[in-house]
Amino acid sequence: YLFGRICKQKSNNSVILRNYETLEAD
C-alpha cells in the first residue's frame, strides 16, 4: 500500500527552544 506522512508547517513562534540547564528560552 502507499504509506506515508502528511505534514503541516507550524509557525516558528508557536514553539520555543529551551536550554534546560539555564532555563533560557529562544
PDB file of all heavy atoms in Angstrom:
ATOM      1  N   TYR A   1       0.843  -1.185   0.000  1.00  0.00           N
ATOM      2  CA  TYR A   1       0.000   0.000   0.000  1.00  0.00           C
ATOM      3  C   TYR A   1       0.884   1.243   0.000  1.00  0.00           C
ATOM      4  O   TYR A   1       2.039   1.199   0.408  1.00  0.00           O
ATOM      5  CB  TYR A   1      -0.896   0.041   1.245  1.00  0.00           C
ATOM      6  CG  TYR A   1      -1.622  -1.244   1.564  1.00  0.00           C
ATOM      7  CD1 TYR A   1      -1.305  -1.981   2.704  1.00  0.00           C
ATOM      8  CD2 TYR A   1      -2.627  -1.721   0.725  1.00  0.00           C
ATOM      9  CE1 TYR A   1      -1.978  -3.158   3.008  1.00  0.00           C
ATOM     10  CE2 TYR A   1      -3.294  -2.903   1.018  1.00  0.00           C
ATOM     11  CZ  TYR A   1      -2.967  -3.622   2.165  1.00  0.00           C
ATOM     12  OH  TYR A   1      -3.627  -4.786   2.455  1.00  0.00           O
ATOM     13  N   LEU A   2       0.320   2.370  -0.436  1.00  0.00           N
ATOM     14  CA  LEU A   2       1.004   3.645  -0.284  1.00  0.00           C
ATOM     15  C   LEU A   2       0.885   4.069   1.174  1.00  0.00           C
ATOM     16  O   LEU A   2      -0.217   4.246   1.694  1.00  0.00           O
ATOM     17  CB  LEU A   2       0.367   4.694  -1.190  1.00  0.00           C
ATOM     18  CG  LEU A   2       0.909   6.128  -1.035  1.00  0.00           C
ATOM     19  CD1 LEU A   2       2.380   6.192  -1.433  1.00  0.00           C
ATOM     20  CD2 LEU A   2       0.085   7.105  -1.862  1.00  0.00           C
ATOM     21  N   PHE A   3       2.016   4.219   1.841  1.00  0.00           N
ATOM     22  CA  PHE A   3       2.026   4.575   3.257  1.00  0.00           C
ATOM     23  C   PHE A   3       2.972   5.751   3.467  1.00  0.00           C
ATOM     24  O   PHE A   3       4.073   5.786   2.905  1.00  0.00           O
ATOM     25  CB  PHE A   3       2.486   3.399   4.113  1.00  0.00           C
ATOM     26  CG  PHE A   3       2.701   3.755   5.562  1.00  0.00           C
ATOM     27  CD1 PHE A   3       1.624   3.954   6.412  1.00  0.00           C
ATOM     28  CD2 PHE A   3       3.984   3.929   6.057  1.00  0.00           C
ATOM     29  CE1 PHE A   3       1.819   4.300   7.740  1.00  0.00           C
ATOM     30  CE2 PHE A   3       4.191   4.272   7.384  1.00  0.00           C
ATOM     31  CZ  PHE A   3       3.105   4.460   8.227  1.00  0.00           C
ATOM     32  N   GLY A   4       2.522   6.716   4.255  1.00  0.00           N
ATOM     33  CA  GLY A   4       3.388   7.854   4.491  1.00  0.00           C
ATOM     34  C   GLY A   4       2.835   8.824   5.515  1.00  0.00           C
ATOM     35  O   GLY A   4       1.918   8.506   6.284  1.00  0.00           O
ATOM     36  N   ARG A   5       3.408  10.030   5.502  1.00  0.00           N
ATOM     37  CA  ARG A   5       3.017  11.088   6.420  1.00  0.00           C
ATOM     38  C   ARG A   5       2.511  12.293   5.630  1.00  0.00           C
ATOM     39  O   ARG A   5       3.059  12.643   4.577  1.00  0.00           O
ATOM     40  CB  ARG A   5       4.213  11.546   7.268  1.00  0.00           C
ATOM     41  CG  ARG A   5       4.804  10.498   8.185  1.00  0.00           C
ATOM     42  CD  ARG A   5       5.943  11.078   9.023  1.00  0.00           C
ATOM     43  NE  ARG A   5       7.055  11.481   8.187  1.00  0.00           N
ATOM     44  CZ  ARG A   5       8.122  10.742   7.949  1.00  0.00           C
ATOM     45  NH1 ARG A   5       8.232   9.536   8.514  1.00  0.00           N
ATOM     46  NH2 ARG A   5       9.092  11.170   7.176  1.00  0.00           N
ATOM     47  N   ILE A   6       1.472  12.942   6.158  1.00  0.00           N
ATOM     48  CA  ILE A   6       1.056  14.256   5.670  1.00  0.00           C
ATOM     49  C   ILE A   6       1.499  15.260   6.723  1.00  0.00           C
ATOM     50  O   ILE A   6       1.130  15.140   7.894  1.00  0.00           O
ATOM     51  CB  ILE A   6      -0.468  14.352   5.475  1.00  0.00           C
ATOM     52  CG1 ILE A   6      -1.011  13.153   4.708  1.00  0.00           C
ATOM     53  CG2 ILE A   6      -0.830  15.638   4.743  1.00  0.00           C
ATOM     54  CD1 ILE A   6      -2.519  13.106   4.649  1.00  0.00           C
ATOM     55  N   CYS A   7       2.278  16.245   6.316  1.00  0.00           N
ATOM     56  CA  CYS A   7       2.929  17.144   7.274  1.00  0.00           C
ATOM     57  C   CYS A   7       2.495  18.592   7.031  1.00  0.00           C
ATOM     58  O   CYS A   7       2.343  19.021   5.885  1.00  0.00           O
ATOM     59  CB  CYS A   7       4.441  17.043   7.154  1.00  0.00           C
ATOM     60  SG  CYS A   7       5.074  15.344   7.201  1.00  0.00           S
ATOM     61  N   LYS A   8       2.335  19.325   8.125  1.00  0.00           N
ATOM     62  CA  LYS A   8       1.912  20.727   8.065  1.00  0.00           C
ATOM     63  C   LYS A   8       2.872  21.579   8.876  1.00  0.00           C
ATOM     64  O   LYS A   8       3.173  21.273  10.027  1.00  0.00           O
ATOM     65  CB  LYS A   8       0.491  20.866   8.620  1.00  0.00           C
ATOM     66  CG  LYS A   8      -0.014  22.294   8.719  1.00  0.00           C
ATOM     67  CD  LYS A   8      -1.381  22.330   9.399  1.00  0.00           C
ATOM     68  CE  LYS A   8      -1.865  23.750   9.590  1.00  0.00           C
ATOM     69  NZ  LYS A   8      -3.171  23.780  10.310  1.00  0.00           N
ATOM     70  N   GLN A   9       3.355  22.641   8.282  1.00  0.00           N
ATOM     71  CA  GLN A   9       4.283  23.543   8.947  1.00  0.00           C
ATOM     72  C   GLN A   9       3.594  24.308  10.075  1.00  0.00           C
ATOM     73  O   GLN A   9       2.469  24.790   9.929  1.00  0.00           O
ATOM     74  CB  GLN A   9       4.862  24.526   7.930  1.00  0.00           C
ATOM     75  CG  GLN A   9       5.851  25.529   8.503  1.00  0.00           C
ATOM     76  CD  GLN A   9       6.213  26.603   7.488  1.00  0.00           C
ATOM     77  OE1 GLN A   9       5.496  26.818   6.518  1.00  0.00           O
ATOM     78  NE2 GLN A   9       7.328  27.277   7.725  1.00  0.00           N
ATOM     79  N   LYS A  10       4.270  24.421  11.200  1.00  0.00           N
ATOM     80  CA  LYS A  10       3.839  25.287  12.287  1.00  0.00           C
ATOM     81  C   LYS A  10       4.667  26.568  12.264  1.00  0.00           C
ATOM     82  O   LYS A  10       5.829  26.559  11.853  1.00  0.00           O
ATOM     83  CB  LYS A  10       4.006  24.599  13.650  1.00  0.00           C
ATOM     84  CG  LYS A  10       3.000  23.493  13.898  1.00  0.00           C
ATOM     85  CD  LYS A  10       3.197  22.860  15.257  1.00  0.00           C
ATOM     86  CE  LYS A  10       2.824  23.797  16.392  1.00  0.00           C
ATOM     87  NZ  LYS A  10       1.369  24.033  16.478  1.00  0.00           N
ATOM     88  N   SER A  11       4.074  27.658  12.691  1.00  0.00           N
ATOM     89  CA  SER A  11       4.809  28.917  12.702  1.00  0.00           C
ATOM     90  C   SER A  11       5.955  28.837  13.703  1.00  0.00           C
ATOM     91  O   SER A  11       5.854  28.181  14.749  1.00  0.00           O
ATOM     92  CB  SER A  11       3.878  30.076  13.057  1.00  0.00           C
ATOM     93  OG  SER A  11       3.278  29.868  14.318  1.00  0.00           O
ATOM     94  N   ASN A  12       7.041  29.484  13.368  1.00  0.00           N
ATOM     95  CA  ASN A  12       8.250  29.432  14.176  1.00  0.00           C
ATOM     96  C   ASN A  12       8.023  29.950  15.595  1.00  0.00           C
ATOM     97  O   ASN A  12       8.653  29.497  16.555  1.00  0.00           O
ATOM     98  CB  ASN A  12       9.365  30.230  13.488  1.00  0.00           C
ATOM     99  CG  ASN A  12      10.708  30.051  14.160  1.00  0.00           C
ATOM    100  OD1 ASN A  12      11.038  28.956  14.605  1.00  0.00           O
ATOM    101  ND2 ASN A  12      11.486  31.126  14.234  1.00  0.00           N
ATOM    102  N   ASN A  13       7.090  30.901  15.745  1.00  0.00           N
ATOM    103  CA  ASN A  13       6.854  31.479  17.074  1.00  0.00           C
ATOM    104  C   ASN A  13       5.766  30.757  17.868  1.00  0.00           C
ATOM    105  O   ASN A  13       5.321  31.243  18.896  1.00  0.00           O
ATOM    106  CB  ASN A  13       6.528  32.972  16.972  1.00  0.00           C
ATOM    107  CG  ASN A  13       5.282  33.248  16.145  1.00  0.00           C
ATOM    108  OD1 ASN A  13       4.574  32.316  15.751  1.00  0.00           O
ATOM    109  ND2 ASN A  13       5.026  34.517  15.861  1.00  0.00           N
ATOM    110  N   SER A  14       5.341  29.576  17.375  1.00  0.00           N
ATOM    111  CA  SER A  14       4.328  28.813  18.112  1.00  0.00           C
ATOM    112  C   SER A  14       4.955  27.849  19.111  1.00  0.00           C
ATOM    113  O   SER A  14       4.270  27.274  19.955  1.00  0.00           O
ATOM    114  CB  SER A  14       3.433  28.030  17.148  1.00  0.00           C
ATOM    115  OG  SER A  14       4.175  27.038  16.459  1.00  0.00           O
ATOM    116  N   VAL A  15       6.266  27.640  18.999  1.00  0.00           N
ATOM    117  CA  VAL A  15       7.012  26.822  19.949  1.00  0.00           C
ATOM    118  C   VAL A  15       8.307  27.557  20.287  1.00  0.00           C
ATOM    119  O   VAL A  15       8.716  28.481  19.568  1.00  0.00           O
ATOM    120  CB  VAL A  15       7.330  25.409  19.393  1.00  0.00           C
ATOM    121  CG1 VAL A  15       6.074  24.599  19.175  1.00  0.00           C
ATOM    122  CG2 VAL A  15       8.130  25.519  18.104  1.00  0.00           C
ATOM    123  N   ILE A  16       8.943  27.160  21.372  1.00  0.00           N
ATOM    124  CA  ILE A  16      10.208  27.785  21.756  1.00  0.00           C
ATOM    125  C   ILE A  16      11.271  26.717  21.967  1.00  0.00           C
ATOM    126  O   ILE A  16      10.960  25.544  22.186  1.00  0.00           O
ATOM    127  CB  ILE A  16      10.063  28.634  23.036  1.00  0.00           C
ATOM    128  CG1 ILE A  16       9.573  27.772  24.213  1.00  0.00           C
ATOM    129  CG2 ILE A  16       9.164  29.824  22.808  1.00  0.00           C
ATOM    130  CD1 ILE A  16       9.531  28.517  25.534  1.00  0.00           C
ATOM    131  N   LEU A  17      12.521  27.157  21.896  1.00  0.00           N
ATOM    132  CA  LEU A  17      13.663  26.298  22.172  1.00  0.00           C
ATOM    133  C   LEU A  17      14.195  26.660  23.560  1.00  0.00           C
ATOM    134  O   LEU A  17      14.471  27.828  23.837  1.00  0.00           O
ATOM    135  CB  LEU A  17      14.752  26.523  21.117  1.00  0.00           C
ATOM    136  CG  LEU A  17      16.027  25.697  21.255  1.00  0.00           C
ATOM    137  CD1 LEU A  17      15.730  24.224  20.984  1.00  0.00           C
ATOM    138  CD2 LEU A  17      17.091  26.208  20.286  1.00  0.00           C
ATOM    139  N   ARG A  18      14.308  25.654  24.451  1.00  0.00           N
ATOM    140  CA  ARG A  18      14.739  25.952  25.812  1.00  0.00           C
ATOM    141  C   ARG A  18      15.985  25.156  26.183  1.00  0.00           C
ATOM    142  O   ARG A  18      16.093  23.965  25.887  1.00  0.00           O
ATOM    143  CB  ARG A  18      13.623  25.632  26.819  1.00  0.00           C
ATOM    144  CG  ARG A  18      13.982  26.040  28.260  1.00  0.00           C
ATOM    145  CD  ARG A  18      12.848  25.733  29.223  1.00  0.00           C
ATOM    146  NE  ARG A  18      11.632  26.432  28.892  1.00  0.00           N
ATOM    147  CZ  ARG A  18      11.384  27.708  29.201  1.00  0.00           C
ATOM    148  NH1 ARG A  18      12.298  28.426  29.844  1.00  0.00           N
ATOM    149  NH2 ARG A  18      10.242  28.257  28.868  1.00  0.00           N
ATOM    150  N   ASN A  19      16.909  25.820  26.833  1.00  0.00           N
ATOM    151  CA  ASN A  19      18.076  25.185  27.420  1.00  0.00           C
ATOM    152  C   ASN A  19      17.706  24.784  28.846  1.00  0.00           C
ATOM    153  O   ASN A  19      17.486  25.649  29.696  1.00  0.00           O
ATOM    154  CB  ASN A  19      19.259  26.156  27.423  1.00  0.00           C
ATOM    155  CG  ASN A  19      20.530  25.520  27.957  1.00  0.00           C
ATOM    156  OD1 ASN A  19      20.505  24.684  28.859  1.00  0.00           O
ATOM    157  ND2 ASN A  19      21.667  25.943  27.412  1.00  0.00           N
ATOM    158  N   TYR A  20      17.628  23.483  29.123  1.00  0.00           N
ATOM    159  CA  TYR A  20      17.154  23.048  30.436  1.00  0.00           C
ATOM    160  C   TYR A  20      18.220  23.153  31.523  1.00  0.00           C
ATOM    161  O   TYR A  20      17.918  22.958  32.699  1.00  0.00           O
ATOM    162  CB  TYR A  20      16.603  21.628  30.348  1.00  0.00           C
ATOM    163  CG  TYR A  20      15.270  21.577  29.630  1.00  0.00           C
ATOM    164  CD1 TYR A  20      15.155  20.954  28.390  1.00  0.00           C
ATOM    165  CD2 TYR A  20      14.148  22.190  30.176  1.00  0.00           C
ATOM    166  CE1 TYR A  20      13.939  20.932  27.722  1.00  0.00           C
ATOM    167  CE2 TYR A  20      12.933  22.179  29.507  1.00  0.00           C
ATOM    168  CZ  TYR A  20      12.830  21.547  28.286  1.00  0.00           C
ATOM    169  OH  TYR A  20      11.621  21.542  27.624  1.00  0.00           O
ATOM    170  N   GLU A  21      19.434  23.478  31.156  1.00  0.00           N
ATOM    171  CA  GLU A  21      20.444  23.745  32.178  1.00  0.00           C
ATOM    172  C   GLU A  21      20.327  25.169  32.715  1.00  0.00           C
ATOM    173  O   GLU A  21      20.468  25.422  33.906  1.00  0.00           O
ATOM    174  CB  GLU A  21      21.844  23.499  31.598  1.00  0.00           C
ATOM    175  CG  GLU A  21      22.122  22.036  31.284  1.00  0.00           C
ATOM    176  CD  GLU A  21      23.521  21.826  30.741  1.00  0.00           C
ATOM    177  OE1 GLU A  21      24.204  22.847  30.448  1.00  0.00           O
ATOM    178  OE2 GLU A  21      23.938  20.660  30.597  1.00  0.00           O
ATOM    179  N   THR A  22      20.041  26.107  31.790  1.00  0.00           N
ATOM    180  CA  THR A  22      19.925  27.512  32.198  1.00  0.00           C
ATOM    181  C   THR A  22      18.484  27.996  32.234  1.00  0.00           C
ATOM    182  O   THR A  22      18.209  29.089  32.738  1.00  0.00           O
ATOM    183  CB  THR A  22      20.705  28.402  31.226  1.00  0.00           C
ATOM    184  OG1 THR A  22      20.090  28.321  29.919  1.00  0.00           O
ATOM    185  CG2 THR A  22      22.152  27.954  31.117  1.00  0.00           C
ATOM    186  N   LEU A  23      17.545  27.193  31.658  1.00  0.00           N
ATOM    187  CA  LEU A  23      16.128  27.545  31.505  1.00  0.00           C
ATOM    188  C   LEU A  23      15.921  28.727  30.564  1.00  0.00           C
ATOM    189  O   LEU A  23      14.820  29.289  30.499  1.00  0.00           O
ATOM    190  CB  LEU A  23      15.469  27.841  32.865  1.00  0.00           C
ATOM    191  CG  LEU A  23      15.430  26.665  33.848  1.00  0.00           C
ATOM    192  CD1 LEU A  23      14.643  27.048  35.105  1.00  0.00           C
ATOM    193  CD2 LEU A  23      14.820  25.423  33.207  1.00  0.00           C
ATOM    194  N   GLU A  24      16.953  29.079  29.817  1.00  0.00           N
ATOM    195  CA  GLU A  24      16.825  30.181  28.858  1.00  0.00           C
ATOM    196  C   GLU A  24      15.980  29.717  27.668  1.00  0.00           C
ATOM    197  O   GLU A  24      16.143  28.606  27.157  1.00  0.00           O
ATOM    198  CB  GLU A  24      18.209  30.622  28.384  1.00  0.00           C
ATOM    199  CG  GLU A  24      18.166  31.798  27.427  1.00  0.00           C
ATOM    200  CD  GLU A  24      19.554  32.196  26.944  1.00  0.00           C
ATOM    201  OE1 GLU A  24      20.535  31.537  27.355  1.00  0.00           O
ATOM    202  OE2 GLU A  24      19.642  33.161  26.174  1.00  0.00           O
ATOM    203  N   ALA A  25      15.074  30.588  27.212  1.00  0.00           N
ATOM    204  CA  ALA A  25      14.205  30.291  26.070  1.00  0.00           C
ATOM    205  C   ALA A  25      14.603  31.162  24.883  1.00  0.00           C
ATOM    206  O   ALA A  25      15.040  32.302  25.037  1.00  0.00           O
ATOM    207  CB  ALA A  25      12.755  30.533  26.439  1.00  0.00           C
ATOM    208  N   ASP A  26      14.414  30.585  23.686  1.00  0.00           N
ATOM    209  CA  ASP A  26      14.772  31.319  22.483  1.00  0.00           C
ATOM    210  C   ASP A  26      13.918  30.804  21.332  1.00  0.00           C
ATOM    211  O   ASP A  26      13.227  29.780  21.447  1.00  0.00           O
ATOM    212  CB  ASP A  26      16.261  31.117  22.174  1.00  0.00           C
ATOM    213  CG  ASP A  26      16.810  32.199  21.233  1.00  0.00           C
ATOM    214  OD1 ASP A  26      16.000  33.020  20.755  1.00  0.00           O
ATOM    215  OD2 ASP A  26      18.029  32.201  20.993  1.00  0.00           O
TER     216      ASP A  26
END
